[in-house]
Amino acid sequence: MWDYSAFPAWVSDEERDAIEPALQGELQAWSDRVTDVMWGPNGPDAEGWDGPDDQVIAALDAEGRALAERLRQSTGWAIAYVPL
């Protein structure tokens, strides 16, 4: 969940401990990339920024879906992924 500066998964601190550290790192790295891409070169709401290319969003979305599936498999939780 890159949008609200939350950990990429809305979980409690206790639940976060159930996620393997490597996957936590991958989720955070993906979230950071999404934020960078969405904000563009000059930060959020920069004048003249029309947003990232559709191909970039599609690639990040595919990666996010794969990470969500890995999270589901590793924890057994029901996961809802909201496309970018």
N, C-alpha and C. Protein backbone atom coordinates (compact mmCIF):
# COMPACT_ATOMS: atom_id res chain seq x y z
N MET A 1 0.85 -1.17 0.00
CA MET A 1 0.00 0.00 0.00
C MET A 1 0.89 1.22 0.00
N TRP A 2 1.27 1.68 -1.14
CA TRP A 2 2.19 2.80 -1.20
C TRP A 2 1.50 4.10 -0.88
N ASP A 3 0.23 4.22 -1.08
CA ASP A 3 -0.49 5.49 -1.00
C ASP A 3 -0.54 6.04 0.41
N TYR A 4 -0.64 6.16 1.28
CA TYR A 4 -0.73 6.65 2.64
C TYR A 4 0.55 6.43 3.42
N SER A 5 1.63 6.20 2.77
CA SER A 5 2.93 5.99 3.41
C SER A 5 2.89 4.88 4.46
N ALA A 6 2.04 3.91 4.25
CA ALA A 6 1.94 2.77 5.15
C ALA A 6 2.91 1.69 4.68
N PHE A 7 3.23 0.77 5.57
CA PHE A 7 3.94 -0.42 5.12
C PHE A 7 3.12 -0.98 3.97
N PRO A 8 3.72 -1.58 2.98
CA PRO A 8 2.97 -2.02 1.80
C PRO A 8 1.83 -2.99 2.08
N ALA A 9 1.69 -3.41 3.28
CA ALA A 9 0.53 -4.23 3.65
C ALA A 9 -0.05 -3.63 4.92
N TRP A 10 -1.35 -3.47 4.94
CA TRP A 10 -1.99 -2.94 6.15
C TRP A 10 -2.09 -4.05 7.17
N VAL A 11 -1.18 -4.06 8.09
CA VAL A 11 -1.12 -5.09 9.12
C VAL A 11 -0.73 -4.45 10.45
N SER A 12 -1.07 -5.14 11.53
CA SER A 12 -0.63 -4.68 12.84
C SER A 12 0.86 -5.00 13.01
N ASP A 13 1.47 -4.43 14.03
CA ASP A 13 2.87 -4.73 14.29
C ASP A 13 3.07 -6.22 14.54
N GLU A 14 2.13 -6.83 15.25
CA GLU A 14 2.22 -8.27 15.52
C GLU A 14 2.13 -9.08 14.23
N GLU A 15 1.20 -8.69 13.35
CA GLU A 15 1.07 -9.40 12.08
C GLU A 15 2.31 -9.18 11.21
N ARG A 16 2.88 -8.01 11.26
CA ARG A 16 4.07 -7.74 10.45
C ARG A 16 5.19 -8.70 10.83
N ASP A 17 5.27 -9.03 12.10
CA ASP A 17 6.31 -9.96 12.55
C ASP A 17 6.14 -11.35 11.94
N ALA A 18 4.93 -11.66 11.47
CA ALA A 18 4.66 -12.96 10.85
C ALA A 18 5.16 -13.02 9.40
N ILE A 19 5.53 -11.89 8.84
CA ILE A 19 6.00 -11.84 7.45
C ILE A 19 7.52 -11.99 7.47
N GLU A 20 8.01 -12.91 6.67
CA GLU A 20 9.46 -13.14 6.64
C GLU A 20 10.19 -11.85 6.27
N PRO A 21 11.32 -11.59 6.91
CA PRO A 21 12.05 -10.33 6.70
C PRO A 21 12.40 -10.05 5.24
N ALA A 22 12.77 -11.07 4.49
CA ALA A 22 13.13 -10.84 3.08
C ALA A 22 11.92 -10.33 2.30
N LEU A 23 10.75 -10.90 2.56
CA LEU A 23 9.54 -10.45 1.87
C LEU A 23 9.16 -9.05 2.33
N GLN A 24 9.34 -8.76 3.60
CA GLN A 24 9.10 -7.39 4.08
C GLN A 24 9.96 -6.40 3.30
N GLY A 25 11.22 -6.75 3.11
CA GLY A 25 12.12 -5.87 2.37
C GLY A 25 11.70 -5.69 0.93
N GLU A 26 11.27 -6.78 0.30
CA GLU A 26 10.81 -6.69 -1.09
C GLU A 26 9.55 -5.84 -1.21
N LEU A 27 8.63 -6.02 -0.26
CA LEU A 27 7.41 -5.21 -0.26
C LEU A 27 7.74 -3.73 -0.09
N GLN A 28 8.65 -3.42 0.82
CA GLN A 28 9.02 -2.02 1.05
C GLN A 28 9.73 -1.44 -0.16
N ALA A 29 10.61 -2.21 -0.78
CA ALA A 29 11.33 -1.73 -1.97
C ALA A 29 10.35 -1.46 -3.11
N TRP A 30 9.38 -2.35 -3.30
CA TRP A 30 8.35 -2.14 -4.33
C TRP A 30 7.56 -0.87 -4.02
N SER A 31 7.16 -0.71 -2.78
CA SER A 31 6.41 0.47 -2.37
C SER A 31 7.20 1.74 -2.64
N ASP A 32 8.49 1.72 -2.34
CA ASP A 32 9.34 2.89 -2.58
C ASP A 32 9.42 3.21 -4.07
N ARG A 33 9.53 2.17 -4.91
CA ARG A 33 9.59 2.39 -6.36
C ARG A 33 8.28 2.98 -6.87
N VAL A 34 7.15 2.47 -6.36
CA VAL A 34 5.85 3.00 -6.79
C VAL A 34 5.74 4.48 -6.41
N THR A 35 6.14 4.81 -5.20
CA THR A 35 6.09 6.21 -4.77
C THR A 35 6.95 7.08 -5.68
N ASP A 36 8.17 6.65 -5.96
CA ASP A 36 9.06 7.43 -6.83
C ASP A 36 8.44 7.63 -8.22
N VAL A 37 7.86 6.57 -8.77
CA VAL A 37 7.27 6.64 -10.11
C VAL A 37 6.03 7.53 -10.10
N MET A 38 5.18 7.38 -9.12
CA MET A 38 3.94 8.16 -9.07
C MET A 38 4.22 9.64 -8.85
N TRP A 39 5.22 9.95 -8.03
CA TRP A 39 5.52 11.34 -7.74
C TRP A 39 6.27 12.01 -8.87
N GLY A 40 6.96 11.24 -9.66
CA GLY A 40 7.70 11.83 -10.77
C GLY A 40 8.98 12.51 -10.34
N PRO A 41 9.61 13.18 -11.26
CA PRO A 41 10.94 13.74 -10.99
C PRO A 41 10.94 14.93 -10.03
N ASN A 42 9.81 15.58 -9.83
CA ASN A 42 9.79 16.80 -9.02
C ASN A 42 8.88 16.72 -7.80
N GLY A 43 8.50 15.53 -7.41
CA GLY A 43 7.66 15.39 -6.23
C GLY A 43 6.17 15.38 -6.56
N PRO A 44 5.35 15.17 -5.54
CA PRO A 44 3.91 15.04 -5.77
C PRO A 44 3.30 16.33 -6.30
N ASP A 45 2.36 16.17 -7.20
CA ASP A 45 1.59 17.29 -7.74
C ASP A 45 2.45 18.34 -8.44
N ALA A 46 3.57 17.92 -8.98
CA ALA A 46 4.44 18.86 -9.70
C ALA A 46 3.73 19.36 -10.96
N GLU A 47 3.83 20.63 -11.17
CA GLU A 47 3.22 21.23 -12.35
C GLU A 47 3.85 20.65 -13.62
N GLY A 48 3.01 20.28 -14.57
CA GLY A 48 3.50 19.75 -15.83
C GLY A 48 3.75 18.25 -15.83
N TRP A 49 3.55 17.59 -14.70
CA TRP A 49 3.77 16.14 -14.61
C TRP A 49 2.47 15.43 -14.91
N ASP A 50 2.46 14.64 -15.98
CA ASP A 50 1.26 13.92 -16.39
C ASP A 50 1.22 12.51 -15.85
N GLY A 51 2.17 12.16 -15.05
CA GLY A 51 2.20 10.82 -14.49
C GLY A 51 3.06 9.88 -15.30
N PRO A 52 3.29 8.71 -14.78
CA PRO A 52 4.15 7.74 -15.45
C PRO A 52 3.45 7.10 -16.66
N ASP A 53 4.26 6.52 -17.52
CA ASP A 53 3.73 5.80 -18.68
C ASP A 53 2.91 4.60 -18.22
N ASP A 54 1.93 4.23 -19.02
CA ASP A 54 1.08 3.08 -18.72
C ASP A 54 1.89 1.79 -18.59
N GLN A 55 2.94 1.66 -19.39
CA GLN A 55 3.78 0.46 -19.32
C GLN A 55 4.49 0.34 -17.98
N VAL A 56 4.92 1.46 -17.45
CA VAL A 56 5.59 1.47 -16.15
C VAL A 56 4.61 1.05 -15.06
N ILE A 57 3.41 1.60 -15.11
CA ILE A 57 2.38 1.25 -14.13
C ILE A 57 2.02 -0.23 -14.25
N ALA A 58 1.88 -0.72 -15.47
CA ALA A 58 1.53 -2.13 -15.67
C ALA A 58 2.60 -3.05 -15.09
N ALA A 59 3.87 -2.69 -15.28
CA ALA A 59 4.97 -3.52 -14.75
C ALA A 59 4.96 -3.50 -13.22
N LEU A 60 4.78 -2.33 -12.62
CA LEU A 60 4.72 -2.25 -11.16
C LEU A 60 3.50 -2.98 -10.61
N ASP A 61 2.40 -2.88 -11.33
CA ASP A 61 1.17 -3.57 -10.91
C ASP A 61 1.37 -5.08 -10.94
N ALA A 62 2.00 -5.58 -11.99
CA ALA A 62 2.27 -7.02 -12.08
C ALA A 62 3.18 -7.47 -10.94
N GLU A 63 4.19 -6.67 -10.65
CA GLU A 63 5.09 -7.00 -9.54
C GLU A 63 4.34 -6.98 -8.21
N GLY A 64 3.46 -5.98 -8.03
CA GLY A 64 2.66 -5.91 -6.81
C GLY A 64 1.75 -7.10 -6.64
N ARG A 65 1.13 -7.54 -7.72
CA ARG A 65 0.26 -8.73 -7.67
C ARG A 65 1.07 -9.97 -7.28
N ALA A 66 2.26 -10.09 -7.84
CA ALA A 66 3.10 -11.24 -7.51
C ALA A 66 3.52 -11.20 -6.04
N LEU A 67 3.86 -10.03 -5.54
CA LEU A 67 4.22 -9.91 -4.14
C LEU A 67 3.02 -10.21 -3.24
N ALA A 68 1.84 -9.76 -3.63
CA ALA A 68 0.64 -10.05 -2.85
C ALA A 68 0.39 -11.55 -2.79
N GLU A 69 0.61 -12.23 -3.89
CA GLU A 69 0.43 -13.68 -3.91
C GLU A 69 1.46 -14.37 -3.03
N ARG A 70 2.69 -13.90 -3.07
CA ARG A 70 3.72 -14.47 -2.19
C ARG A 70 3.37 -14.25 -0.72
N LEU A 71 2.83 -13.07 -0.42
CA LEU A 71 2.41 -12.77 0.95
C LEU A 71 1.29 -13.72 1.37
N ARG A 72 0.34 -13.94 0.49
CA ARG A 72 -0.76 -14.87 0.77
C ARG A 72 -0.24 -16.27 1.02
N GLN A 73 0.66 -16.71 0.17
CA GLN A 73 1.20 -18.06 0.31
C GLN A 73 2.02 -18.23 1.59
N SER A 74 2.76 -17.21 1.95
CA SER A 74 3.64 -17.35 3.11
C SER A 74 2.90 -17.20 4.44
N THR A 75 1.76 -16.51 4.43
CA THR A 75 1.04 -16.29 5.68
C THR A 75 -0.28 -17.03 5.77
N GLY A 76 -0.85 -17.38 4.63
CA GLY A 76 -2.17 -18.01 4.62
C GLY A 76 -3.30 -17.00 4.79
N TRP A 77 -2.98 -15.72 4.80
CA TRP A 77 -4.00 -14.68 4.96
C TRP A 77 -4.77 -14.47 3.66
N ALA A 78 -5.98 -13.96 3.78
CA ALA A 78 -6.73 -13.50 2.62
C ALA A 78 -6.13 -12.14 2.25
N ILE A 79 -5.76 -11.96 1.01
CA ILE A 79 -5.09 -10.74 0.57
C ILE A 79 -5.97 -10.06 -0.49
N ALA A 80 -6.18 -8.79 -0.33
CA ALA A 80 -6.87 -7.98 -1.34
C ALA A 80 -5.84 -7.05 -1.96
N TYR A 81 -5.65 -7.16 -3.26
CA TYR A 81 -4.72 -6.29 -3.96
C TYR A 81 -5.54 -5.30 -4.79
N VAL A 82 -5.27 -4.04 -4.61
CA VAL A 82 -5.96 -2.99 -5.37
C VAL A 82 -5.01 -2.52 -6.45
N PRO A 83 -5.37 -2.68 -7.72
CA PRO A 83 -4.49 -2.28 -8.82
C PRO A 83 -4.11 -0.80 -8.72
N LEU A 84 -2.92 -0.50 -9.23
CA LEU A 84 -2.45 0.89 -9.21
C LEU A 84 -3.26 1.76 -10.14
